[in-house]
N, C-alpha and C. Protein backbone atom coordinates (compact mmCIF):
# COMPACT_ATOMS: atom_id res chain seq x y z
N MET A 1 89.47 -10.84 44.35
CA MET A 1 88.36 -12.09 44.19
C MET A 1 87.31 -11.63 43.56
N LYS A 2 86.40 -10.99 44.09
CA LYS A 2 85.35 -9.94 43.10
C LYS A 2 85.32 -9.99 41.94
N LEU A 3 86.63 -9.77 40.98
CA LEU A 3 87.03 -9.90 39.66
C LEU A 3 86.53 -11.21 39.27
N LEU A 4 87.15 -12.05 39.69
CA LEU A 4 87.35 -13.40 39.53
C LEU A 4 85.79 -14.00 39.70
N ILE A 5 85.60 -14.10 40.24
CA ILE A 5 83.84 -14.62 40.89
C ILE A 5 83.21 -14.21 39.75
N SER A 6 82.78 -12.90 39.25
CA SER A 6 82.18 -12.66 38.17
C SER A 6 82.19 -13.13 36.78
N LYS A 7 83.31 -13.73 36.59
CA LYS A 7 83.82 -14.26 35.72
C LYS A 7 83.76 -15.84 35.59
N ILE A 8 83.08 -16.39 36.62
CA ILE A 8 82.89 -17.66 36.69
C ILE A 8 81.40 -18.20 35.66
N THR A 9 81.78 -19.60 34.60
CA THR A 9 80.77 -19.33 33.71
C THR A 9 79.68 -20.13 34.40
N ASP A 10 78.23 -20.44 34.10
CA ASP A 10 77.65 -21.59 34.24
C ASP A 10 78.11 -22.98 34.72
N SER A 11 78.79 -23.51 33.61
CA SER A 11 79.50 -24.95 34.14
C SER A 11 80.70 -24.83 35.04
N GLU A 12 81.28 -23.75 35.02
CA GLU A 12 82.00 -23.85 36.31
C GLU A 12 81.26 -24.21 38.01
N VAL A 13 80.22 -23.18 37.42
CA VAL A 13 79.19 -22.74 38.77
C VAL A 13 78.76 -24.60 39.27
N GLU A 14 78.37 -25.44 38.32
CA GLU A 14 77.84 -26.83 38.44
C GLU A 14 79.03 -27.71 38.88
N VAL A 15 80.17 -27.46 38.95
CA VAL A 15 81.50 -27.64 39.72
C VAL A 15 82.08 -27.68 40.44
N LEU A 16 81.50 -26.47 41.31
CA LEU A 16 81.52 -25.75 42.17
C LEU A 16 80.70 -25.99 43.52
N ARG A 17 79.29 -26.80 42.50
CA ARG A 17 78.35 -26.79 43.54
C ARG A 17 78.67 -27.76 44.31
N VAL A 18 79.28 -28.82 43.32
CA VAL A 18 79.70 -30.37 43.91
C VAL A 18 80.82 -30.40 44.78
N LEU A 19 81.78 -29.26 44.97
CA LEU A 19 82.52 -29.29 45.92
C LEU A 19 81.77 -28.37 47.11
N TRP A 20 80.74 -27.50 47.06
CA TRP A 20 80.51 -26.82 48.20
C TRP A 20 79.37 -27.90 48.69
N GLU A 21 78.51 -28.72 48.16
CA GLU A 21 77.83 -29.66 48.70
C GLU A 21 78.66 -30.67 49.23
N ALA A 22 79.42 -31.01 48.82
CA ALA A 22 80.38 -31.99 49.94
C ALA A 22 81.12 -31.65 51.13
N GLY A 23 81.50 -30.26 50.57
CA GLY A 23 82.33 -29.87 52.11
C GLY A 23 83.30 -30.35 52.42
N ARG A 24 83.66 -30.82 51.48
CA ARG A 24 85.49 -31.36 51.68
C ARG A 24 86.29 -31.59 50.31
N GLU A 25 87.29 -31.54 50.55
CA GLU A 25 88.41 -32.16 49.16
C GLU A 25 87.77 -33.02 48.66
N LEU A 26 87.73 -32.96 47.40
CA LEU A 26 87.49 -34.43 46.45
C LEU A 26 88.06 -34.21 45.49
N PRO A 27 88.65 -36.07 44.99
CA PRO A 27 89.41 -36.41 44.18
C PRO A 27 88.66 -36.42 42.83
N ILE A 28 89.15 -35.83 41.77
CA ILE A 28 88.46 -35.92 40.41
C ILE A 28 87.44 -36.62 39.90
N ALA A 29 87.42 -38.03 40.47
CA ALA A 29 86.77 -39.51 39.90
C ALA A 29 85.76 -39.34 41.00
N ASP A 30 85.40 -38.34 42.25
CA ASP A 30 84.39 -38.28 43.02
C ASP A 30 83.53 -37.73 42.38
N ILE A 31 84.25 -35.88 42.06
CA ILE A 31 83.45 -34.84 40.82
C ILE A 31 82.69 -35.24 40.12
N ARG A 32 83.08 -36.26 39.08
CA ARG A 32 83.14 -36.41 38.06
C ARG A 32 81.80 -37.55 38.11
N LYS A 33 81.77 -38.65 39.18
CA LYS A 33 80.29 -39.66 39.28
C LYS A 33 79.40 -38.47 39.90
N THR A 34 79.60 -37.06 40.57
CA THR A 34 78.53 -36.79 41.23
C THR A 34 77.88 -36.02 39.67
N LEU A 35 78.85 -35.33 38.96
CA LEU A 35 78.37 -34.98 37.52
C LEU A 35 77.66 -35.50 36.56
N GLU A 36 78.24 -36.81 36.98
CA GLU A 36 77.24 -37.87 35.60
C GLU A 36 75.66 -37.58 35.89
N ARG A 37 75.43 -37.68 36.98
CA ARG A 37 73.81 -37.78 37.32
C ARG A 37 73.27 -36.46 36.59
N THR A 38 73.70 -35.20 36.30
CA THR A 38 73.35 -34.32 36.10
C THR A 38 73.97 -33.59 34.67
N SER A 39 75.09 -34.27 33.87
CA SER A 39 75.40 -33.68 32.75
C SER A 39 76.00 -35.10 32.07
N ASN A 40 76.22 -34.68 30.90
CA ASN A 40 76.88 -35.81 30.22
C ASN A 40 78.62 -35.37 29.86
N TRP A 41 78.69 -34.55 30.31
CA TRP A 41 80.18 -33.96 30.25
C TRP A 41 81.20 -35.35 30.51
N GLU A 42 82.25 -35.12 29.76
CA GLU A 42 83.45 -36.34 29.48
C GLU A 42 84.69 -36.02 30.50
N THR A 43 85.35 -36.80 30.62
CA THR A 43 85.92 -36.67 31.96
C THR A 43 87.03 -35.50 31.43
N SER A 44 87.57 -35.03 29.97
CA SER A 44 88.31 -34.22 29.70
C SER A 44 87.75 -32.68 29.90
N THR A 45 86.41 -32.55 29.82
CA THR A 45 85.66 -31.54 30.21
C THR A 45 85.40 -31.14 31.53
N ILE A 46 85.44 -31.78 32.29
CA ILE A 46 85.35 -31.52 34.39
C ILE A 46 87.13 -31.11 34.30
N LYS A 47 87.92 -31.85 33.92
CA LYS A 47 89.63 -31.57 34.11
C LYS A 47 89.78 -29.71 33.49
N THR A 48 89.12 -29.72 32.07
CA THR A 48 89.25 -28.65 31.64
C THR A 48 88.24 -27.39 33.13
N LEU A 49 87.13 -27.63 33.03
CA LEU A 49 86.67 -26.48 34.17
C LEU A 49 87.29 -26.50 35.31
N LEU A 50 88.03 -27.60 35.82
CA LEU A 50 88.49 -27.55 37.26
C LEU A 50 89.84 -26.73 36.97
N ARG A 51 90.45 -26.92 35.92
CA ARG A 51 91.61 -26.22 35.57
C ARG A 51 91.28 -24.94 35.53
N ARG A 52 90.42 -24.59 34.77
CA ARG A 52 90.08 -23.08 34.89
C ARG A 52 89.60 -22.42 36.28
N LEU A 53 88.84 -23.29 37.01
CA LEU A 53 88.37 -22.87 38.09
C LEU A 53 89.56 -22.28 39.15
N CYS A 54 90.89 -22.94 38.95
CA CYS A 54 92.00 -23.16 39.73
C CYS A 54 92.89 -21.71 39.47
N GLU A 55 92.76 -21.76 37.52
CA GLU A 55 93.54 -20.84 37.21
C GLU A 55 93.08 -19.34 37.76
N LYS A 56 91.59 -19.38 38.05
CA LYS A 56 90.89 -17.99 38.86
C LYS A 56 90.77 -17.89 39.83
N GLY A 57 91.46 -18.64 40.79
CA GLY A 57 91.84 -18.71 42.38
C GLY A 57 90.63 -19.22 42.86
N VAL A 58 89.68 -19.55 42.62
CA VAL A 58 88.33 -19.98 43.39
C VAL A 58 88.58 -21.54 43.64
N VAL A 59 89.46 -22.51 42.84
CA VAL A 59 89.06 -23.88 43.13
C VAL A 59 90.77 -24.22 43.69
N LEU A 60 90.97 -24.39 44.39
CA LEU A 60 92.43 -25.00 45.05
C LEU A 60 92.94 -26.31 44.67
N ALA A 61 93.88 -26.49 44.37
CA ALA A 61 94.16 -28.14 43.91
C ALA A 61 95.29 -29.00 45.05
N THR A 62 95.28 -29.62 45.99
CA THR A 62 96.42 -30.27 46.31
C THR A 62 96.81 -31.69 46.03
N LYS A 63 97.88 -32.11 45.18
CA LYS A 63 98.31 -33.24 45.12
C LYS A 63 98.82 -34.19 46.08
N LYS A 64 98.02 -35.25 45.96
CA LYS A 64 98.24 -36.37 46.75
C LYS A 64 98.30 -37.37 45.99
N GLU A 65 98.20 -38.54 46.23
CA GLU A 65 98.12 -39.60 45.37
C GLU A 65 97.44 -39.31 44.00
N VAL A 66 96.45 -38.36 43.80
CA VAL A 66 95.88 -37.37 43.00
C VAL A 66 95.51 -36.30 43.52
N PHE A 67 95.13 -35.20 42.31
CA PHE A 67 94.60 -34.36 42.83
C PHE A 67 93.09 -34.04 43.49
N TYR A 68 93.34 -33.17 44.83
CA TYR A 68 91.93 -33.12 45.22
C TYR A 68 92.03 -31.45 45.46
N TYR A 69 90.31 -30.99 45.09
CA TYR A 69 90.33 -30.16 45.14
C TYR A 69 89.34 -29.46 46.00
N ARG A 70 89.43 -28.03 46.02
CA ARG A 70 88.45 -27.75 47.14
C ARG A 70 88.05 -26.40 46.80
N PRO A 71 86.78 -25.75 47.01
CA PRO A 71 86.45 -24.43 47.26
C PRO A 71 87.51 -23.45 47.74
N ALA A 72 87.75 -22.06 47.15
CA ALA A 72 88.52 -21.39 48.00
C ALA A 72 87.20 -19.91 47.91
N VAL A 73 86.03 -20.32 47.74
CA VAL A 73 85.44 -19.48 47.60
C VAL A 73 83.89 -20.03 48.13
N SER A 74 83.39 -19.29 49.13
CA SER A 74 82.44 -20.23 49.47
C SER A 74 80.92 -20.19 48.72
N GLU A 75 80.19 -20.66 48.90
CA GLU A 75 78.57 -20.43 48.10
C GLU A 75 78.02 -19.25 48.36
N ALA A 76 78.20 -19.17 49.90
CA ALA A 76 77.63 -17.51 50.19
C ALA A 76 78.30 -16.54 49.73
N GLU A 77 79.39 -16.21 49.43
CA GLU A 77 80.64 -15.35 48.97
C GLU A 77 80.00 -15.35 47.92
N TYR A 78 79.94 -16.33 46.76
CA TYR A 78 79.67 -16.60 45.37
C TYR A 78 77.76 -15.80 44.96
N ASN A 79 77.10 -16.20 45.77
CA ASN A 79 75.87 -15.89 46.32
C ASN A 79 75.43 -14.74 46.45
N ASP A 80 76.40 -13.87 47.32
CA ASP A 80 76.36 -12.28 47.90
C ASP A 80 76.94 -11.59 46.44
N HIS A 81 77.76 -11.72 45.91
CA HIS A 81 78.85 -11.11 44.71
C HIS A 81 77.28 -10.67 43.67
N THR A 82 76.86 -12.44 43.32
CA THR A 82 76.17 -12.74 42.22
C THR A 82 74.87 -11.65 42.43
N THR A 83 74.16 -11.94 43.44
CA THR A 83 73.23 -11.11 43.70
C THR A 83 73.62 -9.72 44.06
N GLN A 84 74.07 -9.02 44.50
CA GLN A 84 75.00 -7.23 44.42
C GLN A 84 75.26 -7.23 42.80
N ASN A 85 75.71 -8.00 42.35
CA ASN A 85 75.64 -7.73 40.73
C ASN A 85 74.89 -7.48 39.77
N LEU A 86 73.84 -8.67 40.30
CA LEU A 86 72.30 -8.47 39.52
C LEU A 86 71.64 -7.10 40.02
N ILE A 87 71.71 -7.02 41.19
CA ILE A 87 70.86 -5.94 41.48
C ILE A 87 71.68 -4.82 41.11
N ASP A 88 72.91 -4.36 41.32
CA ASP A 88 73.41 -3.31 40.08
C ASP A 88 73.58 -3.15 38.97
N ARG A 89 73.39 -4.09 38.35
CA ARG A 89 72.89 -4.00 36.81
C ARG A 89 71.75 -4.18 36.25
N LEU A 90 70.92 -4.37 36.84
CA LEU A 90 69.60 -4.42 36.35
C LEU A 90 68.32 -3.41 37.47
N TYR A 91 68.67 -3.22 38.73
CA TYR A 91 67.91 -2.34 39.24
C TYR A 91 68.94 -0.84 40.17
N SER A 92 70.02 -0.48 39.04
CA SER A 92 70.70 0.84 39.67
C SER A 92 70.85 -0.02 40.92
N GLY A 93 71.43 -0.89 41.35
CA GLY A 93 71.96 -0.81 43.04
C GLY A 93 70.89 -0.84 43.90
N SER A 94 69.41 -0.55 43.48
CA SER A 94 68.52 -0.77 44.28
C SER A 94 67.78 -1.86 44.83
N ALA A 95 67.76 -2.52 45.87
CA ALA A 95 67.37 -4.25 46.29
C ALA A 95 65.27 -3.87 46.55
N LYS A 96 65.50 -2.49 47.19
CA LYS A 96 63.82 -2.07 47.07
C LYS A 96 63.56 -2.22 45.75
N ASN A 97 64.19 -2.24 44.77
CA ASN A 97 63.48 -2.35 43.40
C ASN A 97 63.33 -3.45 43.11
N LEU A 98 64.38 -4.31 43.15
CA LEU A 98 64.18 -5.95 43.16
C LEU A 98 63.07 -6.54 43.78
N VAL A 99 62.79 -6.11 44.85
CA VAL A 99 61.84 -7.02 45.42
C VAL A 99 60.42 -6.40 45.34
N ALA A 100 60.41 -4.72 44.72
CA ALA A 100 59.24 -4.79 44.25
C ALA A 100 59.09 -5.35 42.49
N SER A 101 59.90 -5.55 42.17
CA SER A 101 59.75 -5.91 40.86
C SER A 101 59.04 -7.52 41.22
N LEU A 102 59.81 -8.41 42.15
CA LEU A 102 59.71 -9.72 42.26
C LEU A 102 57.69 -9.78 43.20
N LEU A 103 57.62 -8.55 43.43
CA LEU A 103 56.18 -8.42 44.16
C LEU A 103 55.23 -8.12 42.89
N GLY A 104 55.81 -7.51 42.09
CA GLY A 104 54.94 -7.17 40.95
C GLY A 104 54.36 -7.84 39.94
N SER A 105 55.62 -8.93 39.85
CA SER A 105 55.78 -9.99 38.69
C SER A 105 54.88 -11.08 39.42
N LYS A 106 54.65 -10.73 40.51
CA LYS A 106 53.42 -12.69 41.12
C LYS A 106 55.01 -13.62 41.71
N LYS A 107 55.94 -13.72 41.75
CA LYS A 107 56.81 -14.64 41.69
C LYS A 107 57.10 -14.87 42.95
N LEU A 108 56.36 -14.15 43.89
CA LEU A 108 56.85 -14.46 45.76
C LEU A 108 55.09 -15.03 46.04
N ASN A 109 54.62 -15.95 46.42
CA ASN A 109 53.75 -16.92 47.08
C ASN A 109 53.36 -15.98 48.34
N ASP A 110 51.96 -16.22 49.00
CA ASP A 110 51.69 -15.34 50.15
C ASP A 110 53.13 -15.75 51.15
N LEU A 111 53.05 -17.07 51.04
CA LEU A 111 54.19 -17.68 52.23
C LEU A 111 55.56 -17.11 52.18
N ASP A 112 55.92 -16.57 50.71
CA ASP A 112 57.15 -15.93 50.83
C ASP A 112 57.11 -14.87 51.53
N ILE A 113 56.07 -14.36 50.88
CA ILE A 113 55.84 -12.72 51.40
C ILE A 113 55.58 -12.40 52.93
N GLU A 114 55.25 -13.34 53.43
CA GLU A 114 54.99 -13.54 55.05
C GLU A 114 56.15 -13.45 55.80
N GLU A 115 57.15 -14.50 55.01
CA GLU A 115 58.64 -14.50 55.66
C GLU A 115 59.50 -13.43 55.52
N LEU A 116 59.12 -12.83 54.15
CA LEU A 116 60.05 -11.54 53.99
C LEU A 116 59.51 -10.42 55.14
N ARG A 117 58.16 -10.28 55.21
CA ARG A 117 58.06 -9.41 56.36
C ARG A 117 58.30 -9.95 57.85
N THR A 118 58.56 -11.37 58.10
CA THR A 118 59.13 -11.50 59.32
C THR A 118 60.67 -11.03 59.35
N LEU A 119 61.37 -11.58 58.38
CA LEU A 119 62.66 -10.83 58.18
C LEU A 119 62.86 -9.27 58.47
N PHE A 120 62.16 -8.44 57.88
CA PHE A 120 62.21 -7.39 57.77
C PHE A 120 61.87 -6.69 59.18
N LYS A 121 60.96 -7.63 59.85
CA LYS A 121 60.85 -7.13 61.36
C LYS A 121 62.04 -7.52 62.01
N VAL A 122 62.34 -8.49 62.00
CA VAL A 122 63.78 -8.85 62.59
C VAL A 122 64.86 -7.88 62.40
N GLY A 123 65.16 -7.12 61.11
CA GLY A 123 65.88 -6.45 60.98
C GLY A 123 65.98 -4.86 61.39
N ASP A 124 64.37 -4.99 61.75
CA ASP A 124 64.29 -3.49 62.59
C ASP A 124 64.68 -3.27 63.83
N ARG A 125 64.62 -4.93 64.34
CA ARG A 125 65.00 -4.96 65.98
C ARG A 125 66.17 -4.47 66.01
N ASP A 126 67.23 -5.08 64.83
CA ASP A 126 68.65 -4.68 64.74
C ASP A 126 69.22 -3.38 65.06
N GLU A 127 68.10 -2.60 65.03
CA GLU A 127 69.00 -1.04 64.35
C GLU A 127 68.82 -0.55 65.38
């Protein structure tokens, strides 16, 4: 499954986000209505993206009166895999180097840093 997750395109992720946010299986009409707000894709494009996601095994289709779609991969699984892939590719597997990069580039504000400190303290207690 991890190999398939790594092959998901940005457009396919947009479709997955609709399914994740819905929290239930959806017919293509509902998926299309949601995507109309953020994209100008034709129905044929959405059908193609859904077909590809089904072929990759990350979306499941169930035939009722029409096809209903649901994710086979959770958003957390996708995010975990994508984050680990980023860390592996850019920081040689070092999450510490990722955090150091974020701190050095001023991408984190004081509140973000304080929240991270709290998370690190909680992590220390668990061990």
